[in-house]
Protein backbone atom coordinates (compact mmCIF):
# COMPACT_ATOMS: atom_id res chain seq x y z
CA UNK A 1 0.82 1.29 12.68
CA UNK A 2 -2.75 1.11 11.39
CA UNK A 3 -4.47 -2.00 10.01
CA UNK A 4 -2.50 -1.63 6.76
CA UNK A 5 0.79 -1.55 8.69
CA UNK A 6 1.34 2.16 8.00
CA UNK A 7 2.34 4.54 10.75
CA UNK A 8 4.36 7.65 11.44
CA UNK A 9 8.10 7.12 11.32
CA UNK A 10 9.87 8.00 14.56
CA UNK A 11 13.65 8.06 14.97
CA UNK A 12 16.11 8.53 17.78
CA UNK A 13 19.82 8.38 18.27
CA UNK A 14 22.89 10.58 18.61
CA UNK A 15 22.45 11.73 15.02
CA UNK A 16 18.91 13.05 15.58
CA UNK A 17 18.29 16.66 16.55
CA UNK A 18 18.00 17.60 20.21
CA UNK A 19 15.32 20.23 19.58
CA UNK A 20 14.64 23.60 18.04
CA UNK A 21 16.94 26.38 19.25
CA UNK A 22 15.17 28.53 21.87
CA UNK A 23 11.77 27.08 20.94
CA UNK A 24 10.62 24.56 23.57
CA UNK A 25 7.03 24.55 22.28
CA UNK A 26 8.06 23.46 18.76
CA UNK A 27 10.50 20.95 20.28
CA UNK A 28 7.70 19.47 22.41
CA UNK A 29 5.58 18.99 19.28
CA UNK A 30 8.17 16.84 17.50
CA UNK A 31 10.13 15.11 20.29
CA UNK A 32 8.71 12.59 22.77
CA UNK A 33 11.13 10.87 25.18
CA UNK A 34 13.96 11.41 22.70
CA UNK A 35 11.94 10.10 19.73
CA UNK A 36 11.71 12.49 16.78
CA UNK A 37 8.33 12.43 15.00
CA UNK A 38 9.38 12.83 11.35
CA UNK A 39 5.93 13.50 9.90
CA UNK A 40 6.61 10.82 7.30
CA UNK A 41 4.38 7.76 6.96
CA UNK A 42 5.90 4.36 6.31
CA UNK A 43 5.59 0.62 6.60
CA UNK A 44 8.03 -2.21 7.15
CA UNK A 45 7.91 -4.64 4.20
CA UNK A 46 8.29 -8.41 4.30
CA UNK A 47 11.99 -7.92 3.54
CA UNK A 48 12.36 -5.80 6.70
CA UNK A 49 12.93 -2.63 4.69
CA UNK A 50 11.17 0.63 5.50
CA UNK A 51 9.04 2.08 2.68
CA UNK A 52 7.92 5.69 2.91
CA UNK A 53 4.25 6.09 1.91
CA UNK A 54 3.85 9.84 2.19
CA UNK A 55 3.53 12.71 4.66
CA UNK A 56 1.24 12.69 7.68
CA UNK A 57 0.10 16.24 6.86
CA UNK A 58 -0.98 15.14 3.36
CA UNK A 59 -3.00 12.12 4.52
CA UNK A 60 -6.61 12.10 3.29
CA UNK A 61 -9.23 10.39 5.46
CA UNK A 62 -12.39 9.46 3.52
CA UNK A 63 -15.97 9.42 4.86
CA UNK A 64 -15.70 5.66 5.52
CA UNK A 65 -12.48 6.17 7.50
CA UNK A 66 -10.08 4.89 4.85
CA UNK A 67 -6.63 6.47 4.57
CA UNK A 68 -5.46 7.73 1.17
CA UNK A 69 -1.83 8.66 0.60
CA UNK A 70 -1.81 11.36 -2.12
CA UNK A 71 1.64 10.39 -3.39
CA UNK A 72 0.40 6.88 -4.21
CA UNK A 73 -2.45 8.25 -6.36
CA UNK A 74 -0.15 10.82 -7.99
CA UNK A 75 2.33 8.12 -9.03
CA UNK A 76 -0.47 6.14 -10.65
CA UNK A 77 -1.99 9.07 -12.57
CA UNK A 78 1.38 10.42 -13.71
CA UNK A 79 1.60 7.36 -15.95
CA UNK A 80 -0.66 9.25 -18.37
CA UNK A 81 1.23 10.95 -21.19
CA UNK A 82 -1.32 13.78 -20.99
CA UNK A 83 -0.62 14.68 -17.35
CA UNK A 84 2.57 16.70 -16.79
CA UNK A 85 2.03 17.47 -13.08
CA UNK A 86 -0.58 16.56 -10.52
CA UNK A 87 -1.37 17.30 -6.91
CA UNK A 88 -3.85 15.12 -5.04
CA UNK A 89 -5.54 16.69 -2.02
CA UNK A 90 -8.39 16.08 0.38
CA UNK A 91 -11.47 18.22 -0.18
CA UNK A 92 -13.49 18.50 3.05
CA UNK A 93 -17.02 17.05 2.78
CA UNK A 94 -17.62 17.16 6.54
CA UNK A 95 -15.72 18.02 9.72
CA UNK A 96 -14.04 14.61 9.76
CA UNK A 97 -14.12 13.38 6.14
CA UNK A 98 -12.54 14.29 2.84
CA UNK A 99 -12.92 13.35 -0.82
CA UNK A 100 -10.00 12.70 -3.14
CA UNK A 101 -9.60 15.63 -5.54
CA UNK A 102 -6.86 16.48 -8.01
CA UNK A 103 -5.37 19.57 -9.54
CA UNK A 104 -3.77 18.71 -12.88
CA UNK A 105 -1.37 20.55 -15.14
CA UNK A 106 -1.80 18.89 -18.56
CA UNK A 107 1.09 18.09 -20.90
CA UNK A 108 0.23 20.51 -23.69
CA UNK A 109 2.70 19.02 -26.19
CA UNK A 110 1.24 15.53 -25.80
CA UNK A 111 -2.30 16.90 -26.11
CA UNK A 112 -1.41 18.93 -29.21
CA UNK A 113 0.11 15.83 -30.84
CA UNK A 114 -2.98 13.77 -29.92
CA UNK A 115 -5.40 16.31 -31.41
CA UNK A 116 -3.25 16.71 -34.55
CA UNK A 117 -3.51 12.95 -34.96
CA UNK A 118 -7.28 13.21 -34.49
CA UNK A 119 -7.27 16.01 -37.09
CA UNK A 120 -9.31 18.53 -35.16
CA UNK A 121 -8.63 21.58 -33.06
CA UNK A 122 -8.96 21.05 -29.33
CA UNK A 123 -11.34 23.06 -27.22
CA UNK A 124 -11.02 23.38 -23.47
CA UNK A 125 -13.86 20.87 -23.18
CA UNK A 126 -12.00 18.36 -25.42
CA UNK A 127 -8.87 18.63 -23.25
CA UNK A 128 -10.95 18.13 -20.11
CA UNK A 129 -12.57 15.02 -21.64
CA UNK A 130 -9.18 13.46 -22.53
CA UNK A 131 -7.92 14.07 -18.99
CA UNK A 132 -11.18 12.69 -17.51
CA UNK A 133 -10.75 9.46 -19.53
CA UNK A 134 -7.16 9.15 -18.34
CA UNK A 135 -8.13 9.71 -14.69
CA UNK A 136 -10.83 7.02 -15.01
CA UNK A 137 -8.57 4.59 -16.91
CA UNK A 138 -5.67 4.82 -14.48
CA UNK A 139 -7.98 5.05 -11.46
CA UNK A 140 -9.10 1.48 -12.18
CA UNK A 141 -5.71 0.38 -10.82
CA UNK A 142 -6.58 1.93 -7.44
CA UNK A 143 -9.01 0.88 -4.72
CA UNK A 144 -12.38 2.61 -5.15
CA UNK A 145 -11.88 4.89 -2.13
CA UNK A 146 -8.55 6.13 -3.59
CA UNK A 147 -10.03 7.22 -6.92
CA UNK A 148 -10.19 10.88 -7.85
CA UNK A 149 -13.75 12.18 -7.50
CA UNK A 150 -13.16 15.60 -9.07
CA UNK A 151 -10.33 17.44 -10.73
CA UNK A 152 -9.49 20.89 -11.96
CA UNK A 153 -7.04 21.82 -14.68
CA UNK A 154 -4.26 24.36 -14.24
CA UNK A 155 -3.11 26.65 -17.00
CA UNK A 156 0.40 26.96 -15.60
CA UNK A 157 2.92 24.81 -13.77
CA UNK A 158 2.71 24.35 -10.01
CA UNK A 159 4.98 26.48 -7.82
CA UNK A 160 7.99 24.37 -6.83
CA UNK A 161 10.81 24.24 -4.34
CA UNK A 162 14.45 24.37 -5.45
CA UNK A 163 14.37 20.55 -5.49
CA UNK A 164 11.45 20.68 -8.00
CA UNK A 165 8.82 19.39 -5.55
CA UNK A 166 5.38 20.97 -5.67
CA UNK A 167 4.86 23.50 -2.87
CA UNK A 168 1.70 21.88 -1.50
CA UNK A 169 1.19 24.59 1.11
CA UNK A 170 1.12 27.29 -1.59
CA UNK A 171 -1.29 25.36 -3.81
CA UNK A 172 -3.54 24.48 -0.86
CA UNK A 173 -3.71 28.20 0.00
CA UNK A 174 -4.88 28.84 -3.58
CA UNK A 175 -7.52 26.10 -3.25
CA UNK A 176 -8.77 27.45 0.09
CA UNK A 177 -9.03 30.94 -1.44
CA UNK A 178 -11.17 29.59 -4.32
CA UNK A 179 -13.76 27.84 -2.14
């Protein structure tokens, strides 16, 4: 575990896989002396219970070496009625450091109701300003290094798995193609 008590979760036992079929290289990447490297990050709480913090692949390391777990930031920002879906990711600022960025799919119904209440038609700029205020308001609940530095808005929902989780790999490929 790191200084915050967070580390990769390893497991072993008769119920854990023995390896990938006919793929010793992939097996060697995830098994060490019978321990399976899950790729999940977690910490043991005071009650002795394991809490999962996120995925090792999703971890963002800032310029000052702080670790940011995207799922933690997403949970905080999803409290906004104006944000339907969000994906937090690390935007490279150097070879070893990233900034916290977000891609946001706004809740159009909530925004429409808000602007009807305000009695004016919403421009793209107005929508962006409402989302910016929400990101700043909810970001105050996070440590400074975990706050979203930049965001982009999506016009359509994120691609999802059958279990309705955002396909991060597909979205990250879109992001890489844009920059």
